[in-house]
C-alpha cells in the first residue's frame, strides 16, 4: 500500500545571508494509512518546524510533502482543505493544547462534526 503522506528531503532555513540558520535539514519519512506518527527529539531540534511544514502551516525552503501522490503545494483549495482535515498537530504540552473546560470526547468530536464526519 502506498503511503498517505510522504515527506521528501524537507528543509527549512530562517534568516538571510550570514544570518541563515537551518532549522530542519533534509528530513524524509513516510506515513502509512491508519498510522499515528510522533516526532520526538531534543528541544530546538526542529520537531515543531517539521510538523508545521507537514501540516501546511509553514512553507519549506526545499523538499516536498506528498499527500496521496500529490505535492501539497500543487493542491487546489478544496483538496488542500481536505488535506488539512486529515492532518493534525497535537503539541507536547496538553495544558496549552487542550481546553480544560471540555471533555476529551467534546474536543475530538467538535472537528468531526464541523466537517460532517460524524
N, C-alpha and C. Protein backbone atom coordinates (compact mmCIF):
# COMPACT_ATOMS: atom_id res chain seq x y z
N UNK A 1 0.85 -1.18 0.00
CA UNK A 1 0.00 0.00 0.00
C UNK A 1 0.89 1.25 0.00
N UNK A 2 0.51 2.23 -0.75
CA UNK A 2 1.28 3.48 -0.85
C UNK A 2 1.09 4.33 0.40
N UNK A 3 2.11 5.08 0.81
CA UNK A 3 1.96 5.96 1.97
C UNK A 3 0.92 7.04 1.70
N UNK A 4 0.20 7.43 2.74
CA UNK A 4 -0.77 8.52 2.59
C UNK A 4 -0.05 9.87 2.57
N UNK A 5 1.04 9.96 3.35
CA UNK A 5 1.88 11.16 3.35
C UNK A 5 3.33 10.72 3.20
N UNK A 6 4.02 11.38 2.32
CA UNK A 6 5.45 11.13 2.15
C UNK A 6 6.18 12.47 2.20
N UNK A 7 7.18 12.53 3.05
CA UNK A 7 7.99 13.74 3.20
C UNK A 7 9.35 13.45 2.57
N UNK A 8 9.75 14.30 1.62
CA UNK A 8 10.99 14.06 0.88
C UNK A 8 11.94 15.24 1.02
N UNK A 9 13.06 15.00 1.67
CA UNK A 9 14.16 15.98 1.79
C UNK A 9 13.68 17.36 2.22
N UNK A 10 12.83 17.40 3.23
CA UNK A 10 12.27 18.66 3.72
C UNK A 10 13.33 19.46 4.46
N UNK A 11 13.50 20.71 4.05
CA UNK A 11 14.48 21.61 4.66
C UNK A 11 13.81 22.94 4.94
N UNK A 12 14.15 23.53 6.09
CA UNK A 12 13.66 24.87 6.42
C UNK A 12 14.82 25.69 6.95
N UNK A 13 15.02 26.84 6.32
CA UNK A 13 16.04 27.79 6.77
C UNK A 13 15.35 29.10 7.11
N UNK A 14 15.87 29.75 8.14
CA UNK A 14 15.37 31.05 8.57
C UNK A 14 16.49 32.06 8.46
N UNK A 15 16.16 33.31 8.17
CA UNK A 15 17.16 34.37 8.08
C UNK A 15 17.67 34.53 6.67
N UNK A 16 18.68 35.41 6.54
CA UNK A 16 19.27 35.70 5.23
C UNK A 16 20.78 35.80 5.35
N UNK A 17 21.45 35.46 4.26
CA UNK A 17 22.90 35.62 4.18
C UNK A 17 23.65 34.94 5.31
N UNK A 18 24.53 35.71 5.98
CA UNK A 18 25.34 35.17 7.08
C UNK A 18 24.49 34.81 8.29
N UNK A 19 23.29 35.36 8.36
CA UNK A 19 22.38 35.09 9.49
C UNK A 19 21.51 33.85 9.26
N UNK A 20 21.72 33.14 8.15
CA UNK A 20 20.90 31.98 7.80
C UNK A 20 21.11 30.84 8.80
N UNK A 21 20.00 30.31 9.30
CA UNK A 21 20.02 29.18 10.23
C UNK A 21 19.18 28.06 9.62
N UNK A 22 19.75 26.86 9.56
CA UNK A 22 19.00 25.71 9.07
C UNK A 22 18.33 25.04 10.25
N UNK A 23 17.00 25.11 10.30
CA UNK A 23 16.24 24.54 11.40
C UNK A 23 15.92 23.07 11.16
N UNK A 24 15.67 22.71 9.91
CA UNK A 24 15.38 21.32 9.51
C UNK A 24 16.20 21.05 8.26
N UNK A 25 16.92 19.93 8.25
CA UNK A 25 17.85 19.66 7.15
C UNK A 25 17.57 18.30 6.51
N UNK A 26 16.93 18.30 5.37
CA UNK A 26 16.70 17.11 4.53
C UNK A 26 16.02 15.96 5.27
N UNK A 27 14.90 16.23 5.90
CA UNK A 27 14.14 15.21 6.62
C UNK A 27 13.24 14.47 5.63
N UNK A 28 13.25 13.14 5.71
CA UNK A 28 12.40 12.30 4.86
C UNK A 28 11.76 11.21 5.71
N UNK A 29 10.48 10.94 5.47
CA UNK A 29 9.79 9.82 6.10
C UNK A 29 8.47 9.61 5.38
N UNK A 30 7.83 8.47 5.65
CA UNK A 30 6.54 8.15 5.05
C UNK A 30 5.57 7.74 6.15
N UNK A 31 4.30 8.08 5.95
CA UNK A 31 3.24 7.71 6.89
C UNK A 31 2.22 6.87 6.14
N UNK A 32 2.01 5.66 6.63
CA UNK A 32 1.07 4.73 6.00
C UNK A 32 -0.35 5.03 6.48
N UNK A 33 -1.37 4.67 5.70
CA UNK A 33 -2.76 4.89 6.12
C UNK A 33 -3.02 4.25 7.48
N UNK A 34 -3.69 4.98 8.37
CA UNK A 34 -4.03 4.49 9.70
C UNK A 34 -2.93 4.62 10.72
N UNK A 35 -1.76 5.04 10.30
CA UNK A 35 -0.62 5.15 11.20
C UNK A 35 -0.67 6.48 11.96
N UNK A 36 -0.26 6.45 13.22
CA UNK A 36 -0.11 7.66 14.02
C UNK A 36 1.38 7.91 14.18
N UNK A 37 1.80 9.15 13.96
CA UNK A 37 3.22 9.47 13.99
C UNK A 37 3.50 10.48 15.08
N UNK A 38 4.59 10.30 15.77
CA UNK A 38 5.02 11.21 16.82
C UNK A 38 6.45 11.64 16.52
N UNK A 39 6.69 12.94 16.49
CA UNK A 39 8.05 13.45 16.31
C UNK A 39 8.65 13.68 17.69
N UNK A 40 9.76 13.03 17.96
CA UNK A 40 10.41 13.10 19.27
C UNK A 40 11.85 13.54 19.08
N UNK A 41 12.32 14.41 19.96
CA UNK A 41 13.71 14.84 19.89
C UNK A 41 13.99 15.91 20.92
N UNK A 42 15.24 16.31 20.97
CA UNK A 42 15.67 17.33 21.92
C UNK A 42 15.02 18.67 21.61
N UNK A 43 14.97 19.52 22.60
CA UNK A 43 14.43 20.87 22.44
C UNK A 43 15.23 21.61 21.37
N UNK A 44 14.52 22.24 20.44
CA UNK A 44 15.17 23.03 19.40
C UNK A 44 15.68 22.24 18.21
N UNK A 45 15.33 20.95 18.12
CA UNK A 45 15.87 20.13 17.02
C UNK A 45 15.05 20.22 15.73
N UNK A 46 13.90 20.92 15.76
CA UNK A 46 13.12 21.10 14.54
C UNK A 46 11.82 20.31 14.48
N UNK A 47 11.40 19.71 15.59
CA UNK A 47 10.16 18.92 15.60
C UNK A 47 8.95 19.77 15.21
N UNK A 48 8.77 20.89 15.87
CA UNK A 48 7.61 21.76 15.59
C UNK A 48 7.68 22.32 14.18
N UNK A 49 8.86 22.71 13.75
CA UNK A 49 9.03 23.26 12.40
C UNK A 49 8.67 22.19 11.37
N UNK A 50 9.13 20.96 11.58
CA UNK A 50 8.80 19.86 10.67
C UNK A 50 7.30 19.62 10.66
N UNK A 51 6.70 19.55 11.84
CA UNK A 51 5.26 19.33 11.93
C UNK A 51 4.46 20.42 11.23
N UNK A 52 4.88 21.67 11.42
CA UNK A 52 4.18 22.79 10.78
C UNK A 52 4.31 22.74 9.26
N UNK A 53 5.47 22.30 8.75
CA UNK A 53 5.62 22.17 7.29
C UNK A 53 4.75 21.03 6.76
N UNK A 54 4.75 19.90 7.46
CA UNK A 54 3.93 18.76 7.03
C UNK A 54 2.45 19.12 7.06
N UNK A 55 2.03 19.89 8.06
CA UNK A 55 0.63 20.29 8.17
C UNK A 55 0.25 21.40 7.20
N UNK A 56 1.22 21.95 6.49
CA UNK A 56 0.93 23.02 5.54
C UNK A 56 0.80 24.38 6.18
N UNK A 57 1.29 24.53 7.41
CA UNK A 57 1.22 25.81 8.13
C UNK A 57 2.46 26.66 7.91
N UNK A 58 3.52 26.06 7.39
CA UNK A 58 4.79 26.75 7.17
C UNK A 58 5.38 26.22 5.86
N UNK A 59 5.82 27.12 5.01
CA UNK A 59 6.39 26.70 3.73
C UNK A 59 7.84 26.26 3.90
N UNK A 60 8.17 25.15 3.28
CA UNK A 60 9.54 24.62 3.33
C UNK A 60 10.45 25.44 2.42
N UNK A 61 11.72 25.52 2.79
CA UNK A 61 12.72 26.14 1.93
C UNK A 61 12.95 25.25 0.71
N UNK A 62 13.00 23.94 0.95
CA UNK A 62 13.11 22.97 -0.15
C UNK A 62 12.54 21.65 0.32
N UNK A 63 12.37 20.74 -0.63
CA UNK A 63 11.78 19.45 -0.33
C UNK A 63 10.29 19.48 -0.61
N UNK A 64 9.64 18.36 -0.37
CA UNK A 64 8.22 18.31 -0.66
C UNK A 64 7.47 17.41 0.30
N UNK A 65 6.19 17.74 0.47
CA UNK A 65 5.26 16.93 1.24
C UNK A 65 4.25 16.39 0.23
N UNK A 66 4.17 15.07 0.12
CA UNK A 66 3.30 14.42 -0.85
C UNK A 66 2.12 13.81 -0.10
N UNK A 67 0.89 14.17 -0.50
CA UNK A 67 -0.33 13.63 0.09
C UNK A 67 -1.08 12.87 -0.99
N UNK A 68 -1.29 11.58 -0.76
CA UNK A 68 -1.98 10.72 -1.72
C UNK A 68 -1.41 10.91 -3.13
N UNK A 69 -0.07 10.97 -3.22
CA UNK A 69 0.62 11.04 -4.50
C UNK A 69 0.77 12.43 -5.10
N UNK A 70 0.29 13.48 -4.41
CA UNK A 70 0.37 14.84 -4.96
C UNK A 70 1.09 15.76 -3.99
N UNK A 71 1.93 16.63 -4.52
CA UNK A 71 2.63 17.63 -3.72
C UNK A 71 1.59 18.60 -3.15
N UNK A 72 1.62 18.84 -1.82
CA UNK A 72 0.59 19.71 -1.23
C UNK A 72 0.66 21.14 -1.75
N UNK A 73 1.80 21.55 -2.27
CA UNK A 73 1.91 22.90 -2.86
C UNK A 73 1.09 23.02 -4.13
N UNK A 74 0.79 21.89 -4.76
CA UNK A 74 0.07 21.90 -6.03
C UNK A 74 -1.41 21.56 -5.88
N UNK A 75 -1.89 21.37 -4.65
CA UNK A 75 -3.30 21.04 -4.44
C UNK A 75 -4.16 22.28 -4.64
N UNK A 76 -5.35 22.09 -5.23
CA UNK A 76 -6.29 23.21 -5.31
C UNK A 76 -6.87 23.44 -3.92
N UNK A 77 -7.62 24.50 -3.73
CA UNK A 77 -8.08 24.87 -2.39
C UNK A 77 -8.96 23.80 -1.76
N UNK A 78 -9.81 23.14 -2.53
CA UNK A 78 -10.68 22.09 -1.98
C UNK A 78 -9.85 20.89 -1.51
N UNK A 79 -8.88 20.48 -2.31
CA UNK A 79 -8.01 19.36 -1.94
C UNK A 79 -7.14 19.71 -0.75
N UNK A 80 -6.66 20.97 -0.69
CA UNK A 80 -5.84 21.38 0.45
C UNK A 80 -6.67 21.41 1.73
N UNK A 81 -7.94 21.82 1.64
CA UNK A 81 -8.84 21.78 2.82
C UNK A 81 -9.00 20.35 3.30
N UNK A 82 -9.17 19.42 2.37
CA UNK A 82 -9.31 18.01 2.73
C UNK A 82 -8.03 17.51 3.40
N UNK A 83 -6.89 17.93 2.88
CA UNK A 83 -5.61 17.57 3.48
C UNK A 83 -5.52 18.10 4.91
N UNK A 84 -5.88 19.36 5.10
CA UNK A 84 -5.80 19.98 6.43
C UNK A 84 -6.76 19.30 7.41
N UNK A 85 -7.85 18.72 6.90
CA UNK A 85 -8.77 17.98 7.77
C UNK A 85 -8.20 16.63 8.16
N UNK A 86 -7.24 16.14 7.39
CA UNK A 86 -6.63 14.83 7.62
C UNK A 86 -5.46 14.90 8.60
N UNK A 87 -4.76 16.02 8.61
CA UNK A 87 -3.53 16.18 9.39
C UNK A 87 -3.81 17.04 10.62
N UNK A 88 -3.28 16.62 11.76
CA UNK A 88 -3.45 17.41 12.97
C UNK A 88 -2.17 17.37 13.79
N UNK A 89 -1.84 18.50 14.38
CA UNK A 89 -0.70 18.59 15.28
C UNK A 89 -1.24 18.63 16.71
N UNK A 90 -0.70 17.79 17.57
CA UNK A 90 -1.01 17.85 19.00
C UNK A 90 0.29 18.19 19.69
N UNK A 91 0.35 19.35 20.29
CA UNK A 91 1.58 19.82 20.92
C UNK A 91 1.85 19.06 22.21
N UNK A 92 3.12 19.07 22.63
CA UNK A 92 3.54 18.26 23.77
C UNK A 92 2.97 18.71 25.11
N UNK A 93 2.59 19.97 25.24
CA UNK A 93 2.03 20.46 26.50
C UNK A 93 0.51 20.42 26.42
N UNK A 94 -0.13 19.37 26.98
CA UNK A 94 -1.58 19.24 26.84
C UNK A 94 -2.35 20.38 27.50
N UNK A 95 -1.76 21.03 28.49
CA UNK A 95 -2.47 22.12 29.18
C UNK A 95 -2.60 23.35 28.30
N UNK A 96 -1.68 23.54 27.35
CA UNK A 96 -1.82 24.67 26.44
C UNK A 96 -2.51 24.24 25.14
N UNK A 97 -2.65 22.93 24.91
CA UNK A 97 -3.25 22.43 23.68
C UNK A 97 -4.72 22.06 23.84
N UNK A 98 -5.08 21.61 25.02
CA UNK A 98 -6.44 21.14 25.25
C UNK A 98 -7.19 22.09 26.18
N UNK A 99 -8.46 22.29 25.89
CA UNK A 99 -9.30 23.16 26.70
C UNK A 99 -9.74 22.40 27.95
N UNK A 100 -9.35 22.83 29.15
CA UNK A 100 -9.68 22.09 30.36
C UNK A 100 -11.17 22.12 30.71
N UNK A 101 -11.94 22.98 30.06
CA UNK A 101 -13.39 23.04 30.35
C UNK A 101 -14.18 22.05 29.49
N UNK A 102 -13.49 21.34 28.59
CA UNK A 102 -14.17 20.37 27.73
C UNK A 102 -13.67 18.96 28.03
N UNK A 103 -14.54 17.99 27.78
CA UNK A 103 -14.12 16.60 27.89
C UNK A 103 -13.31 16.23 26.64
N UNK A 104 -12.55 15.15 26.74
CA UNK A 104 -11.80 14.67 25.58
C UNK A 104 -12.78 14.36 24.44
N UNK A 105 -13.93 13.78 24.78
CA UNK A 105 -14.95 13.48 23.77
C UNK A 105 -15.35 14.74 23.01
N UNK A 106 -15.60 15.84 23.72
CA UNK A 106 -16.00 17.10 23.08
C UNK A 106 -14.88 17.63 22.18
N UNK A 107 -13.65 17.54 22.67
CA UNK A 107 -12.51 18.05 21.91
C UNK A 107 -12.34 17.27 20.61
N UNK A 108 -12.47 15.95 20.68
CA UNK A 108 -12.28 15.12 19.49
C UNK A 108 -13.47 15.20 18.55
N UNK A 109 -14.69 15.28 19.10
CA UNK A 109 -15.88 15.28 18.24
C UNK A 109 -16.13 16.59 17.54
N UNK A 110 -15.73 17.72 18.12
CA UNK A 110 -16.01 19.03 17.53
C UNK A 110 -15.54 19.15 16.08
N UNK A 111 -14.27 18.85 15.76
CA UNK A 111 -13.87 18.98 14.35
C UNK A 111 -14.55 17.95 13.44
N UNK A 112 -14.86 16.76 13.98
CA UNK A 112 -15.56 15.77 13.16
C UNK A 112 -16.96 16.26 12.80
N UNK A 113 -17.65 16.86 13.76
CA UNK A 113 -18.97 17.42 13.49
C UNK A 113 -18.87 18.59 12.53
N UNK A 114 -17.88 19.44 12.73
CA UNK A 114 -17.69 20.62 11.87
C UNK A 114 -17.48 20.22 10.42
N UNK A 115 -16.81 19.10 10.20
CA UNK A 115 -16.51 18.67 8.83
C UNK A 115 -17.43 17.53 8.37
N UNK A 116 -18.56 17.38 9.07
CA UNK A 116 -19.58 16.38 8.70
C UNK A 116 -19.02 14.96 8.60
N UNK A 117 -18.16 14.59 9.53
CA UNK A 117 -17.57 13.26 9.54
C UNK A 117 -18.26 12.34 10.55
N UNK A 118 -19.23 12.87 11.30
CA UNK A 118 -19.96 12.07 12.29
C UNK A 118 -21.43 12.18 12.01
